[in-house]
């Protein structure tokens, strides 16, 4: 927040501001490259968990999303419990 305020109020001379912006973008890009190299987000089982996000509290998860999560668990060889459909319906009614 302090950096943002310093940029807006022109506390830094323009060359220093440009250098800082360039270095900050470089750090950001390197962090993204590192993350993409070492953490395979496309194949991660965690991508399915966004259906259970707190930010989606106004919109309950769909049965298909719950089943995708179920398939990522060690219990995927077993059929999902029959009550799963009823529990998802109960979430939709709340």
Protein backbone atom coordinates (compact mmCIF):
# COMPACT_ATOMS: atom_id res chain seq x y z
CA UNK A 1 0.00 0.00 0.00
CA UNK A 2 2.84 2.42 0.82
CA UNK A 3 4.47 1.77 -2.56
CA UNK A 4 1.19 2.46 -4.34
CA UNK A 5 0.78 5.73 -2.44
CA UNK A 6 4.38 6.76 -3.19
CA UNK A 7 3.80 6.12 -6.89
CA UNK A 8 0.56 8.09 -6.96
CA UNK A 9 1.95 11.08 -5.05
CA UNK A 10 5.07 11.22 -7.24
CA UNK A 11 7.48 10.86 -4.31
CA UNK A 12 9.92 9.09 -6.61
CA UNK A 13 11.61 10.67 -9.61
CA UNK A 14 10.47 9.27 -12.96
CA UNK A 15 13.69 7.28 -13.71
CA UNK A 16 13.54 5.60 -10.28
CA UNK A 17 9.84 4.83 -10.80
CA UNK A 18 10.53 3.27 -14.22
CA UNK A 19 13.41 1.20 -12.80
CA UNK A 20 11.26 0.00 -9.90
CA UNK A 21 8.39 -0.91 -12.25
CA UNK A 22 10.75 -2.83 -14.56
CA UNK A 23 12.33 -4.75 -11.66
CA UNK A 24 8.94 -5.51 -10.10
CA UNK A 25 7.66 -6.90 -13.42
CA UNK A 26 10.80 -9.02 -13.75
CA UNK A 27 10.29 -10.49 -10.27
CA UNK A 28 6.62 -11.13 -11.02
CA UNK A 29 7.39 -12.88 -14.32
CA UNK A 30 10.11 -15.02 -12.73
CA UNK A 31 7.75 -16.05 -9.93
CA UNK A 32 5.11 -17.06 -12.49
CA UNK A 33 7.69 -18.99 -14.55
CA UNK A 34 8.94 -20.77 -11.42
CA UNK A 35 5.42 -21.69 -10.37
CA UNK A 36 4.53 -23.02 -13.81
CA UNK A 37 7.75 -25.04 -13.98
CA UNK A 38 7.47 -26.76 -10.59
CA UNK A 39 3.71 -26.87 -10.00
CA UNK A 40 1.70 -28.49 -12.76
CA UNK A 41 -1.54 -26.57 -12.37
CA UNK A 42 -3.21 -28.09 -15.42
CA UNK A 43 -2.93 -31.64 -14.11
CA UNK A 44 -3.31 -30.85 -10.42
CA UNK A 45 -6.17 -32.54 -8.61
CA UNK A 46 -6.58 -29.37 -6.56
CA UNK A 47 -8.10 -27.47 -9.49
CA UNK A 48 -11.37 -29.32 -8.86
CA UNK A 49 -11.65 -27.92 -5.34
CA UNK A 50 -12.60 -24.48 -6.60
CA UNK A 51 -16.20 -25.76 -6.65
CA UNK A 52 -16.05 -25.72 -2.83
CA UNK A 53 -14.68 -22.19 -2.59
CA UNK A 54 -15.96 -19.91 0.15
CA UNK A 55 -16.25 -17.16 -2.45
CA UNK A 56 -18.93 -19.23 -4.20
CA UNK A 57 -21.05 -19.46 -1.05
CA UNK A 58 -24.05 -17.95 -2.84
CA UNK A 59 -23.82 -20.65 -5.51
CA UNK A 60 -23.78 -24.25 -4.26
CA UNK A 61 -21.58 -26.81 -6.01
CA UNK A 62 -23.10 -28.96 -8.73
CA UNK A 63 -23.25 -32.73 -8.42
CA UNK A 64 -20.84 -33.07 -11.35
CA UNK A 65 -18.26 -30.94 -9.50
CA UNK A 66 -18.64 -33.04 -6.35
CA UNK A 67 -18.20 -36.22 -8.40
CA UNK A 68 -15.01 -34.82 -9.98
CA UNK A 69 -13.66 -34.18 -6.49
CA UNK A 70 -14.71 -37.68 -5.44
CA UNK A 71 -12.74 -39.15 -8.34
CA UNK A 72 -9.57 -37.49 -6.99
CA UNK A 73 -9.84 -39.25 -3.63
CA UNK A 74 -8.47 -42.68 -2.70
CA UNK A 75 -12.09 -43.86 -2.54
CA UNK A 76 -12.64 -43.53 -6.28
CA UNK A 77 -12.66 -47.31 -6.71
CA UNK A 78 -15.75 -47.42 -4.55
CA UNK A 79 -18.98 -46.02 -5.88
CA UNK A 80 -19.85 -42.64 -4.35
CA UNK A 81 -22.38 -42.89 -1.53
CA UNK A 82 -26.00 -42.84 -2.61
CA UNK A 83 -26.69 -40.03 -0.20
CA UNK A 84 -24.32 -37.72 -2.09
CA UNK A 85 -27.08 -36.62 -4.45
CA UNK A 86 -29.38 -35.90 -1.50
CA UNK A 87 -26.68 -33.90 0.26
CA UNK A 88 -26.01 -31.76 -2.83
CA UNK A 89 -29.77 -31.13 -3.15
CA UNK A 90 -29.87 -30.08 0.49
CA UNK A 91 -27.05 -27.58 -0.18
CA UNK A 92 -29.03 -26.12 -3.07
CA UNK A 93 -32.06 -25.60 -0.83
CA UNK A 94 -30.13 -23.69 1.84
